[in-house]
Amino acid sequence: MAIGKVIRIPPNGYTWGQVRDEYGNSWSVRGRDIPSGKSAGDDLAYRLDFSSPTDSPRIVSIEDD
């Protein structure tokens, strides 16, 4: 798995957070997929799914680093 950084944890009542990958690309992720206890700036491991030809790549799993 690649290592990225948590950029934004969604505030209560919001769905999407943001993660930046090792190349500087930012990805929207569901807040519930970010491991509890993580804060903006923390490292995490993630995996992207490129299998759908019509959709953009998306983060499919996030784990503690």
N, C-alpha and C. Protein backbone atom coordinates (compact mmCIF):
# COMPACT_ATOMS: atom_id res chain seq x y z
N MET A 1 0.85 -1.18 0.00
CA MET A 1 0.00 0.00 0.00
C MET A 1 0.89 1.24 0.00
N ALA A 2 0.39 2.28 -0.60
CA ALA A 2 1.11 3.55 -0.63
C ALA A 2 0.83 4.32 0.66
N ILE A 3 1.68 5.30 0.94
CA ILE A 3 1.51 6.14 2.13
C ILE A 3 1.07 7.53 1.68
N GLY A 4 0.03 8.05 2.30
CA GLY A 4 -0.45 9.39 2.04
C GLY A 4 -0.63 10.15 3.34
N LYS A 5 -1.15 11.36 3.24
CA LYS A 5 -1.40 12.19 4.42
C LYS A 5 -2.87 12.59 4.46
N VAL A 6 -3.41 12.62 5.66
CA VAL A 6 -4.75 13.16 5.85
C VAL A 6 -4.65 14.68 5.71
N ILE A 7 -5.43 15.25 4.83
CA ILE A 7 -5.44 16.70 4.62
C ILE A 7 -6.58 17.34 5.39
N ARG A 8 -7.74 16.69 5.34
CA ARG A 8 -8.90 17.27 6.01
C ARG A 8 -9.78 16.16 6.55
N ILE A 9 -10.10 16.25 7.81
CA ILE A 9 -11.09 15.36 8.44
C ILE A 9 -12.43 16.09 8.33
N PRO A 10 -13.48 15.40 7.86
CA PRO A 10 -14.75 16.11 7.74
C PRO A 10 -15.32 16.48 9.11
N PRO A 11 -15.82 17.71 9.25
CA PRO A 11 -16.46 18.08 10.51
C PRO A 11 -17.76 17.28 10.69
N ASN A 12 -18.25 17.23 11.90
CA ASN A 12 -19.50 16.50 12.18
C ASN A 12 -20.60 16.94 11.22
N GLY A 13 -21.32 15.97 10.71
CA GLY A 13 -22.43 16.26 9.81
C GLY A 13 -22.03 16.30 8.35
N TYR A 14 -20.74 16.21 8.06
CA TYR A 14 -20.28 16.22 6.67
C TYR A 14 -19.71 14.85 6.32
N THR A 15 -19.76 14.50 5.05
CA THR A 15 -19.38 13.16 4.63
C THR A 15 -17.93 13.05 4.20
N TRP A 16 -17.40 14.03 3.49
CA TRP A 16 -16.13 13.86 2.79
C TRP A 16 -14.95 14.51 3.48
N GLY A 17 -13.87 13.76 3.54
CA GLY A 17 -12.57 14.26 3.99
C GLY A 17 -11.64 14.29 2.79
N GLN A 18 -10.39 14.58 3.01
CA GLN A 18 -9.45 14.65 1.90
C GLN A 18 -8.11 14.07 2.31
N VAL A 19 -7.51 13.32 1.38
CA VAL A 19 -6.21 12.69 1.58
C VAL A 19 -5.32 13.09 0.41
N ARG A 20 -4.04 13.33 0.67
CA ARG A 20 -3.08 13.65 -0.39
C ARG A 20 -2.13 12.47 -0.53
N ASP A 21 -1.93 12.01 -1.78
CA ASP A 21 -1.05 10.88 -2.00
C ASP A 21 0.41 11.32 -2.08
N GLU A 22 1.29 10.35 -2.26
CA GLU A 22 2.72 10.62 -2.27
C GLU A 22 3.16 11.47 -3.46
N TYR A 23 2.30 11.63 -4.47
CA TYR A 23 2.62 12.43 -5.65
C TYR A 23 2.01 13.83 -5.59
N GLY A 24 1.31 14.14 -4.51
CA GLY A 24 0.69 15.45 -4.35
C GLY A 24 -0.74 15.54 -4.84
N ASN A 25 -1.31 14.43 -5.33
CA ASN A 25 -2.71 14.41 -5.76
C ASN A 25 -3.61 14.33 -4.54
N SER A 26 -4.72 15.06 -4.56
CA SER A 26 -5.68 15.03 -3.46
C SER A 26 -6.87 14.17 -3.85
N TRP A 27 -7.36 13.38 -2.91
CA TRP A 27 -8.48 12.48 -3.12
C TRP A 27 -9.54 12.74 -2.06
N SER A 28 -10.80 12.76 -2.49
CA SER A 28 -11.90 12.84 -1.53
C SER A 28 -12.16 11.44 -1.01
N VAL A 29 -12.36 11.34 0.28
CA VAL A 29 -12.64 10.04 0.91
C VAL A 29 -13.78 10.21 1.90
N ARG A 30 -14.53 9.14 2.08
CA ARG A 30 -15.58 9.17 3.10
C ARG A 30 -14.94 9.27 4.47
N GLY A 31 -15.47 10.13 5.28
CA GLY A 31 -14.92 10.30 6.62
C GLY A 31 -14.91 9.02 7.41
N ARG A 32 -15.91 8.17 7.20
CA ARG A 32 -15.97 6.91 7.95
C ARG A 32 -14.85 5.96 7.56
N ASP A 33 -14.20 6.20 6.40
CA ASP A 33 -13.10 5.35 5.96
C ASP A 33 -11.76 5.77 6.55
N ILE A 34 -11.69 6.95 7.13
CA ILE A 34 -10.46 7.41 7.77
C ILE A 34 -10.42 6.80 9.17
N PRO A 35 -9.34 6.08 9.50
CA PRO A 35 -9.29 5.43 10.83
C PRO A 35 -9.48 6.44 11.96
N SER A 36 -10.20 6.03 12.98
CA SER A 36 -10.43 6.92 14.12
C SER A 36 -9.09 7.26 14.77
N GLY A 37 -9.02 8.45 15.30
CA GLY A 37 -7.79 8.91 15.94
C GLY A 37 -6.84 9.61 15.00
N LYS A 38 -7.12 9.60 13.70
CA LYS A 38 -6.26 10.30 12.74
C LYS A 38 -6.62 11.78 12.72
N SER A 39 -5.61 12.61 12.52
CA SER A 39 -5.78 14.06 12.44
C SER A 39 -5.15 14.55 11.15
N ALA A 40 -5.48 15.77 10.75
CA ALA A 40 -4.86 16.37 9.57
C ALA A 40 -3.35 16.35 9.74
N GLY A 41 -2.65 15.90 8.70
CA GLY A 41 -1.19 15.82 8.73
C GLY A 41 -0.66 14.44 9.08
N ASP A 42 -1.52 13.55 9.57
CA ASP A 42 -1.09 12.19 9.91
C ASP A 42 -0.89 11.35 8.65
N ASP A 43 0.08 10.44 8.70
CA ASP A 43 0.29 9.50 7.61
C ASP A 43 -0.72 8.37 7.71
N LEU A 44 -1.03 7.76 6.55
CA LEU A 44 -1.88 6.59 6.51
C LEU A 44 -1.54 5.79 5.27
N ALA A 45 -1.88 4.52 5.27
CA ALA A 45 -1.69 3.66 4.12
C ALA A 45 -3.01 3.59 3.36
N TYR A 46 -2.95 3.57 2.03
CA TYR A 46 -4.17 3.52 1.24
C TYR A 46 -3.95 2.70 -0.02
N ARG A 47 -5.04 2.29 -0.63
CA ARG A 47 -5.01 1.57 -1.89
C ARG A 47 -6.03 2.20 -2.82
N LEU A 48 -5.63 2.42 -4.07
CA LEU A 48 -6.53 3.00 -5.07
C LEU A 48 -7.09 1.92 -5.97
N ASP A 49 -8.31 2.13 -6.46
CA ASP A 49 -8.95 1.22 -7.41
C ASP A 49 -9.03 1.93 -8.75
N PHE A 50 -8.36 1.38 -9.76
CA PHE A 50 -8.38 1.94 -11.11
C PHE A 50 -9.21 1.09 -12.05
N SER A 51 -9.99 0.15 -11.53
CA SER A 51 -10.63 -0.86 -12.37
C SER A 51 -11.82 -0.36 -13.19
N SER A 52 -12.48 0.69 -12.78
CA SER A 52 -13.65 1.17 -13.51
C SER A 52 -13.22 2.09 -14.64
N PRO A 53 -13.54 1.74 -15.89
CA PRO A 53 -13.12 2.58 -17.02
C PRO A 53 -13.85 3.91 -17.10
N THR A 54 -15.00 4.03 -16.44
CA THR A 54 -15.77 5.27 -16.55
C THR A 54 -15.59 6.20 -15.36
N ASP A 55 -15.13 5.68 -14.26
CA ASP A 55 -14.96 6.49 -13.05
C ASP A 55 -13.51 6.86 -12.85
N SER A 56 -13.30 7.92 -12.10
CA SER A 56 -11.95 8.28 -11.69
C SER A 56 -11.46 7.24 -10.69
N PRO A 57 -10.14 7.11 -10.56
CA PRO A 57 -9.63 6.21 -9.51
C PRO A 57 -10.17 6.65 -8.16
N ARG A 58 -10.37 5.70 -7.27
CA ARG A 58 -10.88 6.06 -5.95
C ARG A 58 -10.14 5.26 -4.90
N ILE A 59 -10.05 5.83 -3.72
CA ILE A 59 -9.44 5.13 -2.61
C ILE A 59 -10.42 4.05 -2.15
N VAL A 60 -9.94 2.80 -2.09
CA VAL A 60 -10.82 1.71 -1.69
C VAL A 60 -10.51 1.18 -0.30
N SER A 61 -9.35 1.47 0.23
CA SER A 61 -9.09 1.08 1.61
C SER A 61 -8.03 1.98 2.22
N ILE A 62 -8.19 2.23 3.48
CA ILE A 62 -7.25 3.06 4.24
C ILE A 62 -6.95 2.31 5.53
N GLU A 63 -5.69 2.30 5.90
CA GLU A 63 -5.29 1.62 7.13
C GLU A 63 -4.35 2.51 7.91
N ASP A 64 -4.22 2.23 9.20
CA ASP A 64 -3.22 2.92 9.99
C ASP A 64 -1.85 2.62 9.43
N ASP A 65 -0.98 3.61 9.43
CA ASP A 65 0.38 3.47 8.92
C ASP A 65 1.19 2.60 9.83
